[in-house]
Amino acid sequence: MKPVLGLVAGILALAPLAAQEADSALAGDIQYLLLPLPVWSSPVAGLTTGATYDTLRLEIKPVGRPILKWVRWQRLAGLGMLALGGTLSYYYRQEADQAFAAYRRSGNPDELDRLFRKSRALDRRAGWSYVAAEAGLIMLSVSFIIDP
């Protein structure tokens, strides 16, 4: 196999290169620079239309997606739920703490039951408000995941 490889290498080495032009001779020709680029050919046989290279103008516009209306609504609703839920949760927690402190100081049995029920009701409201704030945070986060 080695003699065949040597014979092929010898033929290729001795092949005439006179048909090739030097690359430096073609360097000034713009068509030579455009040869590696794809060329448009018409689907209709014999029809040759096109534009020369100097009449083409390329515009690169920045690619950006407009924010969707429902994503904007989702962001505003999530932000509103987060702010309102957090504010109400804080307010109801403070009120529940005050009612529980009054319950601990009171000695009247009728007053004790009323203050304890009030404290429990305000504590539940604070918890549900906190759930609403968490839902708003999740809604806001998902809107940024969907459309950054």
C-alpha atoms as a PDB file:
ATOM      1  CA  MET A   1       0.000   0.000   0.000  1.00  0.00           C
ATOM      2  CA  LYS A   2       2.909   2.366   0.612  1.00  0.00           C
ATOM      3  CA  PRO A   3       4.049   2.389  -3.044  1.00  0.00           C
ATOM      4  CA  VAL A   4       0.555   3.436  -4.151  1.00  0.00           C
ATOM      5  CA  LEU A   5       0.471   6.251  -1.614  1.00  0.00           C
ATOM      6  CA  GLY A   6       3.881   7.448  -2.762  1.00  0.00           C
ATOM      7  CA  LEU A   7       2.779   7.317  -6.418  1.00  0.00           C
ATOM      8  CA  VAL A   8      -0.346   9.404  -5.708  1.00  0.00           C
ATOM      9  CA  ALA A   9       1.668  11.910  -3.688  1.00  0.00           C
ATOM     10  CA  GLY A  10       4.208  12.195  -6.515  1.00  0.00           C
ATOM     11  CA  ILE A  11       1.527  12.789  -9.143  1.00  0.00           C
ATOM     12  CA  LEU A  12      -0.086  15.484  -7.022  1.00  0.00           C
ATOM     13  CA  ALA A  13       3.266  17.156  -6.361  1.00  0.00           C
ATOM     14  CA  LEU A  14       4.195  17.226 -10.038  1.00  0.00           C
ATOM     15  CA  ALA A  15       0.773  18.335 -11.326  1.00  0.00           C
ATOM     16  CA  PRO A  16       0.909  21.563 -13.288  1.00  0.00           C
ATOM     17  CA  LEU A  17      -0.327  24.603 -11.392  1.00  0.00           C
ATOM     18  CA  ALA A  18      -0.243  26.930 -14.372  1.00  0.00           C
ATOM     19  CA  ALA A  19      -4.054  27.111 -14.609  1.00  0.00           C
ATOM     20  CA  GLN A  20      -4.377  28.817 -11.211  1.00  0.00           C
ATOM     21  CA  GLU A  21      -3.977  32.525 -10.817  1.00  0.00           C
ATOM     22  CA  ALA A  22      -2.175  33.924  -7.860  1.00  0.00           C
ATOM     23  CA  ASP A  23      -4.438  35.040  -5.049  1.00  0.00           C
ATOM     24  CA  SER A  24      -2.733  38.413  -4.880  1.00  0.00           C
ATOM     25  CA  ALA A  25      -3.727  39.143  -8.489  1.00  0.00           C
ATOM     26  CA  LEU A  26      -7.409  38.798  -7.591  1.00  0.00           C
ATOM     27  CA  ALA A  27      -7.239  40.681  -4.317  1.00  0.00           C
ATOM     28  CA  GLY A  28      -8.309  44.006  -5.869  1.00  0.00           C
ATOM     29  CA  ASP A  29     -11.385  42.561  -7.580  1.00  0.00           C
ATOM     30  CA  ILE A  30     -14.537  42.908  -5.482  1.00  0.00           C
ATOM     31  CA  GLN A  31     -16.204  40.011  -7.271  1.00  0.00           C
ATOM     32  CA  TYR A  32     -13.416  37.771  -6.003  1.00  0.00           C
ATOM     33  CA  LEU A  33     -14.239  38.792  -2.459  1.00  0.00           C
ATOM     34  CA  LEU A  34     -17.929  38.038  -3.027  1.00  0.00           C
ATOM     35  CA  LEU A  35     -17.364  34.564  -4.457  1.00  0.00           C
ATOM     36  CA  PRO A  36     -17.653  32.725  -1.132  1.00  0.00           C
ATOM     37  CA  LEU A  37     -21.012  34.369  -0.441  1.00  0.00           C
ATOM     38  CA  PRO A  38     -24.225  32.642  -1.566  1.00  0.00           C
ATOM     39  CA  VAL A  39     -25.639  33.839  -4.868  1.00  0.00           C
ATOM     40  CA  TRP A  40     -29.371  34.212  -5.454  1.00  0.00           C
ATOM     41  CA  SER A  41     -30.663  32.421  -8.482  1.00  0.00           C
ATOM     42  CA  SER A  42     -34.114  32.923  -9.922  1.00  0.00           C
ATOM     43  CA  PRO A  43     -36.556  30.013  -9.851  1.00  0.00           C
ATOM     44  CA  VAL A  44     -37.552  30.963 -13.416  1.00  0.00           C
ATOM     45  CA  ALA A  45     -35.022  29.652 -15.923  1.00  0.00           C
ATOM     46  CA  GLY A  46     -33.234  32.347 -17.882  1.00  0.00           C
ATOM     47  CA  LEU A  47     -34.410  35.230 -15.681  1.00  0.00           C
ATOM     48  CA  THR A  48     -31.490  37.166 -14.314  1.00  0.00           C
ATOM     49  CA  THR A  49     -32.377  39.962 -11.950  1.00  0.00           C
ATOM     50  CA  GLY A  50     -30.675  41.251  -8.931  1.00  0.00           C
ATOM     51  CA  ALA A  51     -28.909  44.196  -7.493  1.00  0.00           C
ATOM     52  CA  THR A  52     -25.279  45.046  -7.591  1.00  0.00           C
ATOM     53  CA  TYR A  53     -23.393  44.986  -4.351  1.00  0.00           C
ATOM     54  CA  ASP A  54     -23.186  48.769  -3.993  1.00  0.00           C
ATOM     55  CA  THR A  55     -26.956  49.365  -4.129  1.00  0.00           C
ATOM     56  CA  LEU A  56     -27.776  47.192  -1.131  1.00  0.00           C
ATOM     57  CA  ARG A  57     -28.213  48.882   2.205  1.00  0.00           C
ATOM     58  CA  LEU A  58     -28.376  46.754   5.293  1.00  0.00           C
ATOM     59  CA  GLU A  59     -30.119  48.064   8.367  1.00  0.00           C
ATOM     60  CA  ILE A  60     -29.737  46.283  11.617  1.00  0.00           C
ATOM     61  CA  LYS A  61     -32.558  47.191  13.936  1.00  0.00           C
ATOM     62  CA  PRO A  62     -32.310  46.296  17.587  1.00  0.00           C
ATOM     63  CA  VAL A  63     -34.314  43.210  18.319  1.00  0.00           C
ATOM     64  CA  GLY A  64     -36.654  43.706  21.224  1.00  0.00           C
ATOM     65  CA  ARG A  65     -40.008  42.295  22.071  1.00  0.00           C
ATOM     66  CA  PRO A  66     -42.704  44.705  23.151  1.00  0.00           C
ATOM     67  CA  ILE A  67     -44.028  43.885  26.578  1.00  0.00           C
ATOM     68  CA  LEU A  68     -47.359  42.134  26.373  1.00  0.00           C
ATOM     69  CA  LYS A  69     -50.405  43.873  27.850  1.00  0.00           C
ATOM     70  CA  TRP A  70     -51.374  40.928  30.027  1.00  0.00           C
ATOM     71  CA  VAL A  71     -47.821  40.685  31.375  1.00  0.00           C
ATOM     72  CA  ARG A  72     -47.940  44.380  32.265  1.00  0.00           C
ATOM     73  CA  TRP A  73     -51.287  43.817  33.994  1.00  0.00           C
ATOM     74  CA  GLN A  74     -49.860  40.805  35.823  1.00  0.00           C
ATOM     75  CA  ARG A  75     -46.905  42.855  37.049  1.00  0.00           C
ATOM     76  CA  LEU A  76     -49.098  45.691  38.285  1.00  0.00           C
ATOM     77  CA  ALA A  77     -51.553  43.317  39.965  1.00  0.00           C
ATOM     78  CA  GLY A  78     -48.728  41.382  41.597  1.00  0.00           C
ATOM     79  CA  LEU A  79     -47.094  44.566  42.833  1.00  0.00           C
ATOM     80  CA  GLY A  80     -50.415  45.850  44.176  1.00  0.00           C
ATOM     81  CA  MET A  81     -51.186  42.562  45.930  1.00  0.00           C
ATOM     82  CA  LEU A  82     -47.698  42.502  47.411  1.00  0.00           C
ATOM     83  CA  ALA A  83     -47.918  46.056  48.760  1.00  0.00           C
ATOM     84  CA  LEU A  84     -51.505  45.890  49.975  1.00  0.00           C
ATOM     85  CA  GLY A  85     -51.175  42.399  51.459  1.00  0.00           C
ATOM     86  CA  GLY A  86     -47.961  43.286  53.261  1.00  0.00           C
ATOM     87  CA  THR A  87     -49.423  46.500  54.648  1.00  0.00           C
ATOM     88  CA  LEU A  88     -52.634  44.833  55.844  1.00  0.00           C
ATOM     89  CA  SER A  89     -50.711  41.927  57.336  1.00  0.00           C
ATOM     90  CA  TYR A  90     -48.548  44.293  59.362  1.00  0.00           C
ATOM     91  CA  TYR A  91     -51.569  46.338  60.483  1.00  0.00           C
ATOM     92  CA  TYR A  92     -53.629  43.302  61.544  1.00  0.00           C
ATOM     93  CA  ARG A  93     -50.666  41.777  63.361  1.00  0.00           C
ATOM     94  CA  GLN A  94     -50.184  44.958  65.378  1.00  0.00           C
ATOM     95  CA  GLU A  95     -53.896  45.075  66.213  1.00  0.00           C
ATOM     96  CA  ALA A  96     -53.906  41.389  67.202  1.00  0.00           C
ATOM     97  CA  ASP A  97     -50.870  41.948  69.445  1.00  0.00           C
ATOM     98  CA  GLN A  98     -52.610  44.864  71.147  1.00  0.00           C
ATOM     99  CA  ALA A  99     -55.809  42.845  71.630  1.00  0.00           C
ATOM    100  CA  PHE A 100     -53.827  39.926  73.077  1.00  0.00           C
ATOM    101  CA  ALA A 101     -51.922  42.268  75.427  1.00  0.00           C
ATOM    102  CA  ALA A 102     -55.284  43.668  76.620  1.00  0.00           C
ATOM    103  CA  TYR A 103     -56.525  40.079  77.079  1.00  0.00           C
ATOM    104  CA  ARG A 104     -53.548  39.263  79.287  1.00  0.00           C
ATOM    105  CA  ARG A 105     -54.091  42.379  81.422  1.00  0.00           C
ATOM    106  CA  SER A 106     -57.864  41.978  81.790  1.00  0.00           C
ATOM    107  CA  GLY A 107     -59.404  40.200  84.766  1.00  0.00           C
ATOM    108  CA  ASN A 108     -63.070  40.251  83.715  1.00  0.00           C
ATOM    109  CA  PRO A 109     -64.179  36.802  82.336  1.00  0.00           C
ATOM    110  CA  ASP A 110     -66.638  38.337  79.834  1.00  0.00           C
ATOM    111  CA  GLU A 111     -63.952  40.746  78.659  1.00  0.00           C
ATOM    112  CA  LEU A 112     -61.431  37.875  78.376  1.00  0.00           C
ATOM    113  CA  ASP A 113     -63.590  35.907  75.920  1.00  0.00           C
ATOM    114  CA  ARG A 114     -64.312  38.958  73.754  1.00  0.00           C
ATOM    115  CA  LEU A 115     -60.628  40.048  73.610  1.00  0.00           C
ATOM    116  CA  PHE A 116     -59.452  36.513  72.870  1.00  0.00           C
ATOM    117  CA  ARG A 117     -61.936  36.128  69.980  1.00  0.00           C
ATOM    118  CA  LYS A 118     -60.928  39.556  68.662  1.00  0.00           C
ATOM    119  CA  SER A 119     -57.246  38.630  68.909  1.00  0.00           C
ATOM    120  CA  ARG A 120     -57.836  35.343  67.054  1.00  0.00           C
ATOM    121  CA  ALA A 121     -59.900  37.025  64.303  1.00  0.00           C
ATOM    122  CA  LEU A 122     -57.267  39.725  63.759  1.00  0.00           C
ATOM    123  CA  ASP A 123     -54.533  37.088  63.708  1.00  0.00           C
ATOM    124  CA  ARG A 124     -56.411  35.158  60.995  1.00  0.00           C
ATOM    125  CA  ARG A 125     -56.795  38.343  58.944  1.00  0.00           C
ATOM    126  CA  ALA A 126     -53.078  39.004  59.316  1.00  0.00           C
ATOM    127  CA  GLY A 127     -52.353  35.463  58.097  1.00  0.00           C
ATOM    128  CA  TRP A 128     -54.613  35.743  55.062  1.00  0.00           C
ATOM    129  CA  SER A 129     -53.146  39.146  54.225  1.00  0.00           C
ATOM    130  CA  TYR A 130     -49.704  37.598  54.368  1.00  0.00           C
ATOM    131  CA  VAL A 131     -50.891  34.848  51.982  1.00  0.00           C
ATOM    132  CA  ALA A 132     -52.112  37.564  49.583  1.00  0.00           C
ATOM    133  CA  ALA A 133     -48.721  39.295  49.787  1.00  0.00           C
ATOM    134  CA  GLU A 134     -46.971  36.003  48.996  1.00  0.00           C
ATOM    135  CA  ALA A 135     -49.320  35.393  46.049  1.00  0.00           C
ATOM    136  CA  GLY A 136     -48.505  38.881  44.747  1.00  0.00           C
ATOM    137  CA  LEU A 137     -44.786  38.153  45.040  1.00  0.00           C
ATOM    138  CA  ILE A 138     -45.209  34.900  43.108  1.00  0.00           C
ATOM    139  CA  MET A 139     -47.310  36.644  40.446  1.00  0.00           C
ATOM    140  CA  LEU A 140     -44.681  39.360  40.067  1.00  0.00           C
ATOM    141  CA  SER A 141     -41.854  36.817  39.839  1.00  0.00           C
ATOM    142  CA  VAL A 142     -43.669  34.707  37.244  1.00  0.00           C
ATOM    143  CA  SER A 143     -44.302  37.789  35.096  1.00  0.00           C
ATOM    144  CA  PHE A 144     -40.562  38.462  34.968  1.00  0.00           C
ATOM    145  CA  ILE A 145     -39.860  34.818  34.143  1.00  0.00           C
ATOM    146  CA  ILE A 146     -42.366  34.869  31.273  1.00  0.00           C
ATOM    147  CA  ASP A 147     -41.176  38.138  29.744  1.00  0.00           C
ATOM    148  CA  PRO A 148     -37.900  39.481  31.164  1.00  0.00           C
END
